[in-house]
Amino acid sequence: MKVINNISEITSYLNGFISTGKKIGFVPTMGALHFGHLTLVNISKEQNDITVVSIFVNPTQFNDKQDFEKYPRNTEEDLKKLSETGCDLVFMPNEKEMYPEKEFKKFNLGKIEEVMEGRFRPGHFQGVAIIVNKLFEIVKPNNAYFGQKDFQQLAIIKRLVIITNSTVNIISCPIIRESNGLAMSSRNSRLSKTEFDNASIIYSTIKQLSDFIENNKFSEFKSWALNNINANNLFKTEYIEIVDSKNLEIVTNLKNHESITCCIAVFCGQVRLIDNIQINL
């Protein structure tokens, strides 16, 4: 496994593969890797000639400086895990390499950046779009792999590919969960054992949406879900929304929707957890 830290070196290295028609798979990460990330790497390895993983904690997508500073970092452990998967190349730049000067670029992401995560984390998705666009231009992958846990981010990246006329094929992969149902996340490492065990309530709650729909009680679900989670004093729900799976418009009536997604963000102390579940109608 090769580790590269600067843009000029990785560009030169990958040009050799591109010139011979090799297919490049790419998994962008912020490190603190867990089994979910490694699953993306394994899928990429099956579908491509070379798999590249980036590790970069991107400052422009954090609207909370403390969240950026507390984001878990364990480079040595990350590299060990990637080596064991048979990853071919790790791109691990520093902040100056990716942002040599102040970044002013802004993408027209439309209304999908204004709801849910966009509403509570202003500027977050512009930061995501900036760094993903930079990485795509550097790595020039054929396929890029993202987990469905970050449902709205996935929609943003698909939008980014369209507005930049990128040829990258975006492949979404299923949410990988802990044994108690909690969606795997780098942030889970910041939970105490009690918090981790209790956090199973997030997924067990949103799973009930299908039962509410079957019993014609769709309109009652959000208030029930909020009360169910917030009744546990370890948690405070920031938002819960049910949106159309394609355009992320808020769903108030199930008519004219082929698929809906319930998205949720919950604070457990200072740790912010997100999850979602998709239901085809």
Protein backbone atom coordinates (compact mmCIF):
# COMPACT_ATOMS: atom_id res chain seq x y z
CA MET A 1 0.00 0.00 0.00
CA LYS A 2 1.42 3.35 -1.07
CA VAL A 3 0.85 6.52 1.01
CA ILE A 4 1.12 9.92 -0.71
CA ASN A 5 0.83 13.33 0.93
CA ASN A 6 1.04 15.85 -1.91
CA ILE A 7 -1.01 16.58 -5.00
CA SER A 8 1.80 16.61 -7.56
CA GLU A 9 3.00 13.15 -6.54
CA ILE A 10 -0.41 11.50 -6.56
CA THR A 11 -1.30 13.13 -9.90
CA SER A 12 1.91 11.82 -11.45
CA TYR A 13 1.43 8.37 -9.93
CA LEU A 14 -2.20 7.98 -11.05
CA ASN A 15 -1.56 9.32 -14.57
CA GLY A 16 0.29 6.07 -15.25
CA PHE A 17 -2.85 4.07 -14.51
CA ILE A 18 -5.15 6.46 -16.37
CA SER A 19 -2.98 6.34 -19.52
CA THR A 20 -3.26 2.56 -19.64
CA GLY A 21 -7.03 2.57 -19.17
CA LYS A 22 -7.03 1.22 -15.63
CA LYS A 23 -10.26 1.78 -13.72
CA ILE A 24 -9.84 3.84 -10.53
CA GLY A 25 -12.14 3.48 -7.53
CA PHE A 26 -12.13 6.19 -4.87
CA VAL A 27 -13.30 6.28 -1.25
CA PRO A 28 -13.01 9.76 0.31
CA THR A 29 -12.92 9.75 4.13
CA MET A 30 -12.04 11.91 7.10
CA GLY A 31 -10.29 9.03 8.81
CA ALA A 32 -11.26 7.42 12.12
CA LEU A 33 -12.15 4.46 9.94
CA HIS A 34 -14.68 1.84 10.96
CA PHE A 35 -16.10 -1.29 9.34
CA GLY A 36 -18.48 0.81 7.22
CA HIS A 37 -15.56 2.59 5.55
CA LEU A 38 -13.74 -0.68 5.00
CA THR A 39 -16.84 -2.12 3.34
CA LEU A 40 -16.70 0.72 0.80
CA VAL A 41 -13.03 -0.08 0.17
CA ASN A 42 -13.80 -3.75 -0.39
CA ILE A 43 -16.60 -2.94 -2.84
CA SER A 44 -14.27 -0.62 -4.73
CA LYS A 45 -11.60 -3.30 -4.90
CA GLU A 46 -14.10 -5.71 -6.46
CA GLN A 47 -15.16 -3.21 -9.13
CA ASN A 48 -11.94 -1.41 -10.05
CA ASP A 49 -8.30 -2.03 -10.99
CA ILE A 50 -6.93 0.31 -8.32
CA THR A 51 -8.55 1.66 -5.15
CA VAL A 52 -7.61 5.04 -3.68
CA VAL A 53 -8.68 6.17 -0.20
CA SER A 54 -8.25 9.74 0.98
CA ILE A 55 -7.90 10.72 4.63
CA PHE A 56 -8.46 14.42 5.26
CA VAL A 57 -10.44 16.10 8.03
CA ASN A 58 -11.89 18.95 5.98
CA PRO A 59 -12.16 22.21 7.96
CA THR A 60 -14.52 23.95 5.53
CA GLN A 61 -17.40 21.58 6.25
CA PHE A 62 -17.39 22.18 10.00
CA ASN A 63 -19.55 25.10 11.11
CA ASP A 64 -18.58 24.32 14.72
CA LYS A 65 -14.87 24.80 15.43
CA GLN A 66 -15.04 22.61 18.54
CA ASP A 67 -16.57 19.77 16.50
CA PHE A 68 -13.65 20.04 14.08
CA GLU A 69 -11.09 19.98 16.87
CA LYS A 70 -12.77 17.02 18.63
CA TYR A 71 -13.22 14.97 15.47
CA PRO A 72 -11.45 11.64 16.17
CA ARG A 73 -8.08 11.18 14.48
CA ASN A 74 -6.02 7.98 14.52
CA THR A 75 -3.83 7.88 11.45
CA GLU A 76 -1.71 4.92 12.49
CA GLU A 77 -4.74 2.73 13.15
CA ASP A 78 -6.41 3.91 9.93
CA LEU A 79 -3.40 2.96 7.81
CA LYS A 80 -3.20 -0.44 9.48
CA LYS A 81 -6.87 -1.14 8.69
CA LEU A 82 -6.49 -0.03 5.09
CA SER A 83 -3.38 -2.13 4.60
CA GLU A 84 -5.30 -5.17 5.80
CA THR A 85 -8.04 -4.57 3.19
CA GLY A 86 -5.46 -4.52 0.41
CA CYS A 87 -6.07 -0.85 -0.39
CA ASP A 88 -3.68 0.26 -3.15
CA LEU A 89 -3.14 3.94 -2.41
CA VAL A 90 -3.85 6.36 0.44
CA PHE A 91 -3.88 10.10 -0.22
CA MET A 92 -3.28 11.90 3.06
CA PRO A 93 -2.67 15.63 2.46
CA ASN A 94 -2.42 18.36 5.12
CA GLU A 95 -4.61 21.46 5.20
CA LYS A 96 -2.08 23.69 3.43
CA GLU A 97 -1.84 21.21 0.56
CA MET A 98 -5.61 21.26 -0.02
CA TYR A 99 -6.14 24.93 0.80
CA PRO A 100 -2.99 26.85 -0.19
CA GLU A 101 -5.07 30.04 -0.15
CA LYS A 102 -8.48 31.14 1.09
CA GLU A 103 -11.29 29.36 -0.72
CA PHE A 104 -14.07 31.50 -2.23
CA LYS A 105 -15.71 28.99 -4.57
CA LYS A 106 -19.46 28.52 -4.18
CA PHE A 107 -21.61 25.92 -5.89
CA ASN A 108 -25.27 26.27 -6.84
CA LEU A 109 -26.56 23.23 -4.99
CA GLY A 110 -30.19 24.29 -5.00
CA LYS A 111 -32.78 23.74 -2.30
CA ILE A 112 -31.37 20.39 -1.22
CA GLU A 113 -28.64 22.18 0.76
CA GLU A 114 -31.16 24.28 2.69
CA VAL A 115 -33.14 21.58 4.51
CA MET A 116 -32.24 19.27 7.42
CA GLU A 117 -28.44 19.24 7.75
CA GLY A 118 -28.21 22.41 5.68
CA ARG A 119 -30.62 24.22 7.96
CA PHE A 120 -28.75 23.35 11.15
CA ARG A 121 -25.22 23.39 9.73
CA PRO A 122 -25.05 26.46 7.46
CA GLY A 123 -22.20 26.29 4.98
CA HIS A 124 -21.60 22.60 5.66
CA PHE A 125 -22.53 21.34 2.22
CA GLN A 126 -20.59 24.06 0.43
CA GLY A 127 -17.56 22.78 2.34
CA VAL A 128 -18.38 19.21 1.34
CA ALA A 129 -18.80 20.19 -2.31
CA ILE A 130 -15.53 22.14 -2.34
CA ILE A 131 -13.42 19.31 -0.96
CA VAL A 132 -15.09 16.53 -2.97
CA ASN A 133 -14.66 18.57 -6.16
CA LYS A 134 -10.98 19.10 -5.34
CA LEU A 135 -10.46 15.41 -4.65
CA PHE A 136 -12.24 14.36 -7.84
CA GLU A 137 -10.03 16.70 -9.86
CA ILE A 138 -6.91 15.26 -8.21
CA VAL A 139 -7.74 11.53 -8.22
CA LYS A 140 -9.84 11.49 -11.42
CA PRO A 141 -11.69 8.32 -10.38
CA ASN A 142 -14.05 6.33 -12.56
CA ASN A 143 -16.15 5.36 -9.53
CA ALA A 144 -16.53 7.00 -6.11
CA TYR A 145 -18.13 5.26 -3.14
CA PHE A 146 -20.26 6.85 -0.41
CA GLY A 147 -22.33 5.40 2.42
CA GLN A 148 -26.07 6.01 2.57
CA LYS A 149 -25.85 7.04 6.22
CA ASP A 150 -25.05 10.53 4.93
CA PHE A 151 -28.20 10.53 2.80
CA GLN A 152 -28.35 14.27 2.16
CA GLN A 153 -24.62 14.47 1.47
CA LEU A 154 -25.05 11.78 -1.17
CA ALA A 155 -27.74 13.89 -2.86
CA ILE A 156 -25.41 16.91 -2.72
CA ILE A 157 -22.55 14.99 -4.36
CA LYS A 158 -24.82 13.69 -7.12
CA ARG A 159 -25.88 17.30 -7.72
CA LEU A 160 -22.23 18.40 -7.72
CA VAL A 161 -21.38 15.85 -10.43
CA ILE A 162 -24.16 17.23 -12.62
CA ILE A 163 -23.28 20.93 -12.27
CA THR A 164 -19.55 20.34 -12.79
CA ASN A 165 -20.12 17.98 -15.75
CA SER A 166 -18.01 15.39 -13.96
CA THR A 167 -17.71 11.90 -15.41
CA VAL A 168 -17.34 10.28 -11.97
CA ASN A 169 -19.87 7.53 -11.32
CA ILE A 170 -21.29 7.92 -7.79
CA ILE A 171 -22.02 4.60 -6.11
CA SER A 172 -24.09 4.62 -2.93
CA CYS A 173 -23.62 1.76 -0.48
CA PRO A 174 -25.98 0.55 2.29
CA ILE A 175 -25.70 1.76 5.88
CA ILE A 176 -23.55 -0.53 8.02
CA ARG A 177 -24.86 -0.83 11.58
CA GLU A 178 -23.54 -1.81 14.97
CA SER A 179 -25.04 -4.93 16.60
CA ASN A 180 -27.56 -2.71 18.43
CA GLY A 181 -28.72 -1.01 15.22
CA LEU A 182 -26.79 2.25 15.66
CA ALA A 183 -25.44 3.44 12.31
CA MET A 184 -21.66 3.08 12.23
CA SER A 185 -19.94 6.45 12.50
CA SER A 186 -16.53 7.79 13.43
CA ARG A 187 -18.30 9.83 16.10
CA ASN A 188 -19.50 6.69 17.88
CA SER A 189 -16.04 6.37 19.43
CA ARG A 190 -16.81 9.47 21.51
CA LEU A 191 -19.83 7.82 23.17
CA SER A 192 -19.60 6.25 26.61
CA LYS A 193 -20.75 2.64 26.90
CA THR A 194 -24.05 3.76 28.43
CA GLU A 195 -24.60 6.30 25.66
CA PHE A 196 -23.67 3.77 22.98
CA ASP A 197 -26.05 1.15 24.37
CA ASN A 198 -28.92 3.62 24.68
CA ALA A 199 -28.32 5.07 21.20
CA SER A 200 -30.03 2.00 19.74
CA ILE A 201 -33.24 3.96 20.33
CA ILE A 202 -32.55 6.13 17.26
CA TYR A 203 -32.80 3.33 14.70
CA SER A 204 -35.46 1.39 16.61
CA THR A 205 -37.60 4.55 16.54
CA ILE A 206 -37.32 5.45 12.86
CA LYS A 207 -37.92 1.81 11.93
CA GLN A 208 -41.46 2.22 13.28
CA LEU A 209 -42.38 4.57 10.42
CA SER A 210 -43.49 1.64 8.24
CA ASP A 211 -45.90 0.48 10.96
CA PHE A 212 -47.40 3.97 11.24
CA ILE A 213 -47.92 4.04 7.46
CA GLU A 214 -49.54 0.60 7.44
CA ASN A 215 -51.90 1.71 10.21
CA ASN A 216 -52.77 4.99 8.43
CA LYS A 217 -51.12 7.03 11.17
CA PHE A 218 -48.40 8.66 9.08
CA SER A 219 -49.28 12.15 10.31
CA GLU A 220 -48.70 11.09 13.92
CA PHE A 221 -45.24 9.62 13.43
CA LYS A 222 -42.99 12.67 13.86
CA SER A 223 -44.49 13.77 17.18
CA TRP A 224 -44.41 10.21 18.49
CA ALA A 225 -40.79 9.73 17.42
CA LEU A 226 -39.68 13.00 19.02
CA ASN A 227 -41.35 12.10 22.29
CA ASN A 228 -39.99 8.55 22.21
CA ILE A 229 -36.36 9.64 21.84
CA ASN A 230 -36.45 12.76 23.98
CA ALA A 231 -38.03 10.83 26.85
CA ASN A 232 -34.52 9.45 27.41
CA ASN A 233 -32.62 12.31 29.06
CA LEU A 234 -29.39 11.24 27.35
CA PHE A 235 -30.76 12.46 24.03
CA LYS A 236 -32.08 15.62 22.41
CA THR A 237 -33.46 15.40 18.88
CA GLU A 238 -32.32 18.26 16.65
CA TYR A 239 -34.63 17.38 13.80
CA ILE A 240 -36.62 14.58 12.27
CA GLU A 241 -37.94 15.01 8.74
CA ILE A 242 -39.58 12.79 6.18
CA VAL A 243 -38.59 13.73 2.64
CA ASP A 244 -39.02 12.51 -0.90
CA SER A 245 -36.04 10.21 -1.58
CA LYS A 246 -35.28 11.84 -4.94
CA ASN A 247 -35.73 15.59 -4.47
CA LEU A 248 -35.63 15.87 -0.63
CA GLU A 249 -38.88 17.83 -0.53
CA ILE A 250 -40.68 17.57 2.81
CA VAL A 251 -43.46 14.97 2.67
CA THR A 252 -46.75 15.94 4.29
CA ASN A 253 -48.94 13.57 2.32
CA LEU A 254 -47.88 10.19 0.95
CA LYS A 255 -49.71 10.68 -2.35
CA ASN A 256 -47.48 11.15 -5.42
CA HIS A 257 -44.36 9.84 -3.68
CA GLU A 258 -42.72 6.61 -4.84
CA SER A 259 -40.13 6.54 -2.06
CA ILE A 260 -39.65 8.47 1.17
CA THR A 261 -36.73 8.78 3.56
CA CYS A 262 -36.93 9.56 7.24
CA CYS A 263 -33.85 11.52 8.34
CA ILE A 264 -32.90 12.29 11.92
CA ALA A 265 -30.20 14.09 13.89
CA VAL A 266 -29.86 13.53 17.64
CA PHE A 267 -27.47 14.97 20.19
CA CYS A 268 -26.07 12.64 22.81
CA GLY A 269 -24.23 15.09 25.02
CA GLN A 270 -21.81 16.83 22.65
CA VAL A 271 -21.91 14.01 20.09
CA ARG A 272 -24.22 14.53 17.13
CA LEU A 273 -25.59 11.35 15.55
CA ILE A 274 -27.47 11.09 12.25
CA ASP A 275 -29.40 8.25 10.67
CA ASN A 276 -32.07 7.59 8.06
CA ILE A 277 -34.33 4.90 6.71
CA GLN A 278 -35.83 4.67 3.24
CA ILE A 279 -39.28 3.26 2.52
CA ASN A 280 -40.56 2.46 -0.95
CA LEU A 281 -44.29 3.05 -1.11
